[in-house]
Amino acid sequence: MLAGELYQADDPELIEMNVRRHRIQARLNDPARTEAAVAADLAELLGSFGSTSVIRPPFHTDYGCHLHVGEGVFVNYGGTFLDCAEIRIGDATQIGPNVQLLTPDHPRDPVQRRAMWESAHPITIGENVWIGGGATIIGGVTIGDDAIIAAGAVVTRDVAPGATVAGVPARVLPAS
């Protein structure tokens, strides 16, 4: 799965990882949890989590252990980060509400798709990136340092450092 090969999500090892994630995520998303308790849950759930970072629940992930969050990252409410491949978020990145980071993909071949095969491609987000609310980042994308992703954008291609992109699919905006 992490190598981008076809896999089936009902593999026993993946089911076990999902059960672990579900247990921790249920605690994490309890509205009665303190910020310190949520941070402890995130440190347990994620592959790595910067000690100065904040993710506001509700927050959803497939496994958690393939998600790496740098220092000083802020993720607002409603993040859905499907980490069937690695997701890496650089330091000082700000992510708006209801952002989706989606690494899974499905075969174009209908026979493979019916047989429940899927694949996944990593997402890499650089440092000091700003991702507006409701944006969607598709697997296989790298976003360079200091880039801006407009609210509601659907990013299907790499974004150069310092670029601003908007739209569906996202396109580079001219410098102002």
C-alpha atoms as a PDB file:
ATOM      1  CA  MET A   1       0.000   0.000   0.000  1.00  0.00           C
ATOM      2  CA  LEU A   2       2.703   2.506   1.011  1.00  0.00           C
ATOM      3  CA  ALA A   3       4.667   1.635  -2.136  1.00  0.00           C
ATOM      4  CA  GLY A   4       1.738   2.624  -4.365  1.00  0.00           C
ATOM      5  CA  GLU A   5       0.914  -0.988  -5.236  1.00  0.00           C
ATOM      6  CA  LEU A   6      -2.650  -2.286  -5.515  1.00  0.00           C
ATOM      7  CA  TYR A   7      -4.090  -3.493  -2.208  1.00  0.00           C
ATOM      8  CA  GLN A   8      -7.423  -4.465  -0.681  1.00  0.00           C
ATOM      9  CA  ALA A   9      -8.575  -2.512   2.376  1.00  0.00           C
ATOM     10  CA  ASP A  10     -10.016  -5.647   3.995  1.00  0.00           C
ATOM     11  CA  ASP A  11      -6.522  -7.088   4.506  1.00  0.00           C
ATOM     12  CA  PRO A  12      -6.308  -8.347   8.135  1.00  0.00           C
ATOM     13  CA  GLU A  13      -3.278  -6.161   8.943  1.00  0.00           C
ATOM     14  CA  LEU A  14      -5.071  -3.062   7.640  1.00  0.00           C
ATOM     15  CA  ILE A  15      -8.209  -3.965   9.577  1.00  0.00           C
ATOM     16  CA  GLU A  16      -6.137  -4.221  12.762  1.00  0.00           C
ATOM     17  CA  MET A  17      -4.579  -0.803  12.067  1.00  0.00           C
ATOM     18  CA  ASN A  18      -8.038   0.623  11.455  1.00  0.00           C
ATOM     19  CA  VAL A  19      -9.366  -0.745  14.761  1.00  0.00           C
ATOM     20  CA  ARG A  20      -6.493   0.962  16.600  1.00  0.00           C
ATOM     21  CA  ARG A  21      -7.202   4.224  14.766  1.00  0.00           C
ATOM     22  CA  HIS A  22     -10.917   4.005  15.523  1.00  0.00           C
ATOM     23  CA  ARG A  23     -10.294   3.549  19.265  1.00  0.00           C
ATOM     24  CA  ILE A  24      -7.997   6.578  19.510  1.00  0.00           C
ATOM     25  CA  GLN A  25     -10.049   8.721  17.137  1.00  0.00           C
ATOM     26  CA  ALA A  26     -13.234   8.100  19.143  1.00  0.00           C
ATOM     27  CA  ARG A  27     -11.519   9.565  22.213  1.00  0.00           C
ATOM     28  CA  LEU A  28      -9.970  12.395  20.224  1.00  0.00           C
ATOM     29  CA  ASN A  29     -13.297  13.494  18.739  1.00  0.00           C
ATOM     30  CA  ASP A  30     -15.130  13.496  22.088  1.00  0.00           C
ATOM     31  CA  PRO A  31     -16.188  17.159  22.530  1.00  0.00           C
ATOM     32  CA  ALA A  32     -15.529  16.942  26.286  1.00  0.00           C
ATOM     33  CA  ARG A  33     -11.760  16.365  25.744  1.00  0.00           C
ATOM     34  CA  THR A  34      -9.364  19.108  26.789  1.00  0.00           C
ATOM     35  CA  GLU A  35      -6.849  20.539  24.320  1.00  0.00           C
ATOM     36  CA  ALA A  36      -4.054  18.755  26.228  1.00  0.00           C
ATOM     37  CA  ALA A  37      -5.899  15.414  26.029  1.00  0.00           C
ATOM     38  CA  VAL A  38      -6.508  15.891  22.291  1.00  0.00           C
ATOM     39  CA  ALA A  39      -2.797  16.640  21.783  1.00  0.00           C
ATOM     40  CA  ALA A  40      -1.894  13.439  23.668  1.00  0.00           C
ATOM     41  CA  ASP A  41      -4.326  11.443  21.513  1.00  0.00           C
ATOM     42  CA  LEU A  42      -2.799  12.925  18.353  1.00  0.00           C
ATOM     43  CA  ALA A  43       0.729  12.099  19.531  1.00  0.00           C
ATOM     44  CA  GLU A  44      -0.416   8.481  20.033  1.00  0.00           C
ATOM     45  CA  LEU A  45      -2.370   8.264  16.762  1.00  0.00           C
ATOM     46  CA  LEU A  46      -0.092   9.949  14.247  1.00  0.00           C
ATOM     47  CA  GLY A  47       3.235   8.846  12.820  1.00  0.00           C
ATOM     48  CA  SER A  48       4.677  12.109  14.158  1.00  0.00           C
ATOM     49  CA  PHE A  49       3.087  15.233  15.612  1.00  0.00           C
ATOM     50  CA  GLY A  50       4.875  18.480  16.389  1.00  0.00           C
ATOM     51  CA  SER A  51       4.618  19.439  20.042  1.00  0.00           C
ATOM     52  CA  THR A  52       3.536  22.991  19.102  1.00  0.00           C
ATOM     53  CA  SER A  53       0.920  21.874  16.554  1.00  0.00           C
ATOM     54  CA  VAL A  54      -2.863  21.931  16.944  1.00  0.00           C
ATOM     55  CA  ILE A  55      -5.518  19.858  15.188  1.00  0.00           C
ATOM     56  CA  ARG A  56      -9.055  20.786  16.188  1.00  0.00           C
ATOM     57  CA  PRO A  57     -11.545  17.939  16.316  1.00  0.00           C
ATOM     58  CA  PRO A  58     -13.516  16.542  14.725  1.00  0.00           C
ATOM     59  CA  PHE A  59     -10.668  15.043  12.765  1.00  0.00           C
ATOM     60  CA  HIS A  60     -10.724  11.885  10.653  1.00  0.00           C
ATOM     61  CA  THR A  61      -8.008   9.696   9.181  1.00  0.00           C
ATOM     62  CA  ASP A  62      -7.782   6.160   7.790  1.00  0.00           C
ATOM     63  CA  TYR A  63      -4.858   4.902   9.862  1.00  0.00           C
ATOM     64  CA  GLY A  64      -3.131   7.898  11.445  1.00  0.00           C
ATOM     65  CA  CYS A  65       0.288   6.269  11.567  1.00  0.00           C
ATOM     66  CA  HIS A  66       1.127   7.392   8.011  1.00  0.00           C
ATOM     67  CA  LEU A  67       0.457  11.057   8.815  1.00  0.00           C
ATOM     68  CA  HIS A  68       3.400  13.259   9.832  1.00  0.00           C
ATOM     69  CA  VAL A  69       2.755  16.788  11.118  1.00  0.00           C
ATOM     70  CA  GLY A  70       5.605  19.261  11.666  1.00  0.00           C
ATOM     71  CA  GLU A  71       5.973  21.965  14.328  1.00  0.00           C
ATOM     72  CA  GLY A  72       3.615  24.914  14.601  1.00  0.00           C
ATOM     73  CA  VAL A  73       0.988  23.432  12.267  1.00  0.00           C
ATOM     74  CA  PHE A  74      -2.637  24.475  12.737  1.00  0.00           C
ATOM     75  CA  VAL A  75      -5.534  22.392  11.367  1.00  0.00           C
ATOM     76  CA  ASN A  76      -9.021  23.790  11.867  1.00  0.00           C
ATOM     77  CA  TYR A  77     -12.207  21.753  12.460  1.00  0.00           C
ATOM     78  CA  GLY A  78     -13.347  18.934  10.208  1.00  0.00           C
ATOM     79  CA  GLY A  79     -10.095  17.769   8.625  1.00  0.00           C
ATOM     80  CA  THR A  80     -10.292  14.481   6.720  1.00  0.00           C
ATOM     81  CA  PHE A  81      -6.801  13.171   6.002  1.00  0.00           C
ATOM     82  CA  LEU A  82      -6.964   9.710   4.393  1.00  0.00           C
ATOM     83  CA  ASP A  83      -3.454   8.375   4.923  1.00  0.00           C
ATOM     84  CA  CYS A  84      -3.357   5.151   2.922  1.00  0.00           C
ATOM     85  CA  ALA A  85      -0.028   6.560   1.711  1.00  0.00           C
ATOM     86  CA  GLU A  86       2.172   8.941   3.663  1.00  0.00           C
ATOM     87  CA  ILE A  87       1.012  12.497   4.234  1.00  0.00           C
ATOM     88  CA  ARG A  88       3.716  14.937   5.353  1.00  0.00           C
ATOM     89  CA  ILE A  89       2.825  18.449   6.506  1.00  0.00           C
ATOM     90  CA  GLY A  90       5.693  20.919   6.961  1.00  0.00           C
ATOM     91  CA  ASP A  91       6.268  23.316   9.836  1.00  0.00           C
ATOM     92  CA  ALA A  92       4.106  26.435  10.269  1.00  0.00           C
ATOM     93  CA  THR A  93       1.444  25.291   7.789  1.00  0.00           C
ATOM     94  CA  GLN A  94      -2.111  26.506   8.357  1.00  0.00           C
ATOM     95  CA  ILE A  95      -5.050  24.407   7.184  1.00  0.00           C
ATOM     96  CA  GLY A  96      -8.622  25.727   7.170  1.00  0.00           C
ATOM     97  CA  PRO A  97     -11.797  23.895   8.159  1.00  0.00           C
ATOM     98  CA  ASN A  98     -13.123  20.902   6.236  1.00  0.00           C
ATOM     99  CA  VAL A  99      -9.945  20.355   4.216  1.00  0.00           C
ATOM    100  CA  GLN A 100      -9.487  16.923   2.657  1.00  0.00           C
ATOM    101  CA  LEU A 101      -6.109  15.289   1.991  1.00  0.00           C
ATOM    102  CA  LEU A 102      -6.935  12.165  -0.020  1.00  0.00           C
ATOM    103  CA  THR A 103      -4.193   9.655  -0.844  1.00  0.00           C
ATOM    104  CA  PRO A 104      -6.404   6.721  -2.010  1.00  0.00           C
ATOM    105  CA  ASP A 105      -7.093   6.067  -5.677  1.00  0.00           C
ATOM    106  CA  HIS A 106      -9.071   3.391  -7.501  1.00  0.00           C
ATOM    107  CA  PRO A 107      -8.288   1.444 -10.679  1.00  0.00           C
ATOM    108  CA  ARG A 108      -9.728   2.683 -13.942  1.00  0.00           C
ATOM    109  CA  ASP A 109     -10.268  -0.960 -14.896  1.00  0.00           C
ATOM    110  CA  PRO A 110     -13.849  -1.829 -13.848  1.00  0.00           C
ATOM    111  CA  VAL A 111     -12.998  -5.472 -13.092  1.00  0.00           C
ATOM    112  CA  GLN A 112     -10.268  -4.483 -10.626  1.00  0.00           C
ATOM    113  CA  ARG A 113     -12.502  -1.811  -9.115  1.00  0.00           C
ATOM    114  CA  ARG A 114     -15.364  -4.295  -8.611  1.00  0.00           C
ATOM    115  CA  ALA A 115     -12.888  -6.643  -6.905  1.00  0.00           C
ATOM    116  CA  MET A 116     -12.231  -3.795  -4.393  1.00  0.00           C
ATOM    117  CA  TRP A 117      -8.623  -3.111  -5.356  1.00  0.00           C
ATOM    118  CA  GLU A 118      -7.238   0.328  -4.655  1.00  0.00           C
ATOM    119  CA  SER A 119      -3.915   2.146  -4.519  1.00  0.00           C
ATOM    120  CA  ALA A 120      -2.589   5.234  -2.768  1.00  0.00           C
ATOM    121  CA  HIS A 121      -0.160   8.035  -3.546  1.00  0.00           C
ATOM    122  CA  PRO A 122       1.618  10.280  -1.004  1.00  0.00           C
ATOM    123  CA  ILE A 123       0.914  13.953  -0.343  1.00  0.00           C
ATOM    124  CA  THR A 124       3.714  16.294   0.684  1.00  0.00           C
ATOM    125  CA  ILE A 125       2.963  19.799   1.936  1.00  0.00           C
ATOM    126  CA  GLY A 126       5.897  22.152   2.468  1.00  0.00           C
ATOM    127  CA  GLU A 127       6.496  24.674   5.217  1.00  0.00           C
ATOM    128  CA  ASN A 128       4.443  27.826   5.802  1.00  0.00           C
ATOM    129  CA  VAL A 129       1.693  26.739   3.408  1.00  0.00           C
ATOM    130  CA  TRP A 130      -1.799  28.184   3.780  1.00  0.00           C
ATOM    131  CA  ILE A 131      -4.671  25.905   2.703  1.00  0.00           C
ATOM    132  CA  GLY A 132      -8.091  27.566   2.678  1.00  0.00           C
ATOM    133  CA  GLY A 133     -11.271  25.989   3.990  1.00  0.00           C
ATOM    134  CA  GLY A 134     -12.893  23.227   1.975  1.00  0.00           C
ATOM    135  CA  ALA A 135      -9.855  22.631  -0.249  1.00  0.00           C
ATOM    136  CA  THR A 136      -9.120  19.106  -1.477  1.00  0.00           C
ATOM    137  CA  ILE A 137      -5.603  17.814  -2.166  1.00  0.00           C
ATOM    138  CA  ILE A 138      -5.389  14.615  -4.234  1.00  0.00           C
ATOM    139  CA  GLY A 139      -2.752  11.886  -3.757  1.00  0.00           C
ATOM    140  CA  GLY A 140       0.535  12.246  -5.598  1.00  0.00           C
ATOM    141  CA  VAL A 141       0.654  16.029  -5.100  1.00  0.00           C
ATOM    142  CA  THR A 142       3.544  18.022  -3.626  1.00  0.00           C
ATOM    143  CA  ILE A 143       2.903  21.579  -2.459  1.00  0.00           C
ATOM    144  CA  GLY A 144       5.984  23.777  -2.180  1.00  0.00           C
ATOM    145  CA  ASP A 145       6.955  26.002   0.737  1.00  0.00           C
ATOM    146  CA  ASP A 146       5.036  29.287   1.154  1.00  0.00           C
ATOM    147  CA  ALA A 147       2.299  28.287  -1.337  1.00  0.00           C
ATOM    148  CA  ILE A 148      -1.336  29.339  -0.905  1.00  0.00           C
ATOM    149  CA  ILE A 149      -4.250  27.042  -1.781  1.00  0.00           C
ATOM    150  CA  ALA A 150      -7.489  29.016  -2.103  1.00  0.00           C
ATOM    151  CA  ALA A 151     -10.633  27.951  -0.267  1.00  0.00           C
ATOM    152  CA  GLY A 152     -12.535  25.282  -2.186  1.00  0.00           C
ATOM    153  CA  ALA A 153      -9.668  24.520  -4.589  1.00  0.00           C
ATOM    154  CA  VAL A 154      -9.184  20.964  -5.831  1.00  0.00           C
ATOM    155  CA  VAL A 155      -5.447  20.392  -6.217  1.00  0.00           C
ATOM    156  CA  THR A 156      -4.614  17.621  -8.684  1.00  0.00           C
ATOM    157  CA  ARG A 157      -1.083  18.725  -9.666  1.00  0.00           C
ATOM    158  CA  ASP A 158       2.062  19.860  -7.860  1.00  0.00           C
ATOM    159  CA  VAL A 159       2.146  23.465  -6.654  1.00  0.00           C
ATOM    160  CA  ALA A 160       5.411  25.400  -6.922  1.00  0.00           C
ATOM    161  CA  PRO A 161       6.905  27.136  -3.873  1.00  0.00           C
ATOM    162  CA  GLY A 162       5.272  30.534  -3.314  1.00  0.00           C
ATOM    163  CA  ALA A 163       2.522  29.967  -5.883  1.00  0.00           C
ATOM    164  CA  THR A 164      -1.156  30.711  -5.259  1.00  0.00           C
ATOM    165  CA  VAL A 165      -3.678  28.318  -6.792  1.00  0.00           C
ATOM    166  CA  ALA A 166      -7.479  28.422  -6.964  1.00  0.00           C
ATOM    167  CA  GLY A 167     -10.368  26.714  -8.731  1.00  0.00           C
ATOM    168  CA  VAL A 168     -11.530  23.279  -9.777  1.00  0.00           C
ATOM    169  CA  PRO A 169      -9.148  21.936 -10.863  1.00  0.00           C
ATOM    170  CA  ALA A 170      -6.734  24.356  -9.198  1.00  0.00           C
ATOM    171  CA  ARG A 171      -4.765  26.668 -11.507  1.00  0.00           C
ATOM    172  CA  VAL A 172      -1.957  29.086 -10.689  1.00  0.00           C
ATOM    173  CA  LEU A 173      -3.108  32.667 -10.163  1.00  0.00           C
ATOM    174  CA  PRO A 174      -0.977  35.504 -11.499  1.00  0.00           C
ATOM    175  CA  ALA A 175       1.150  37.328  -8.922  1.00  0.00           C
ATOM    176  CA  SER A 176      -0.530  40.473  -7.657  1.00  0.00           C
END
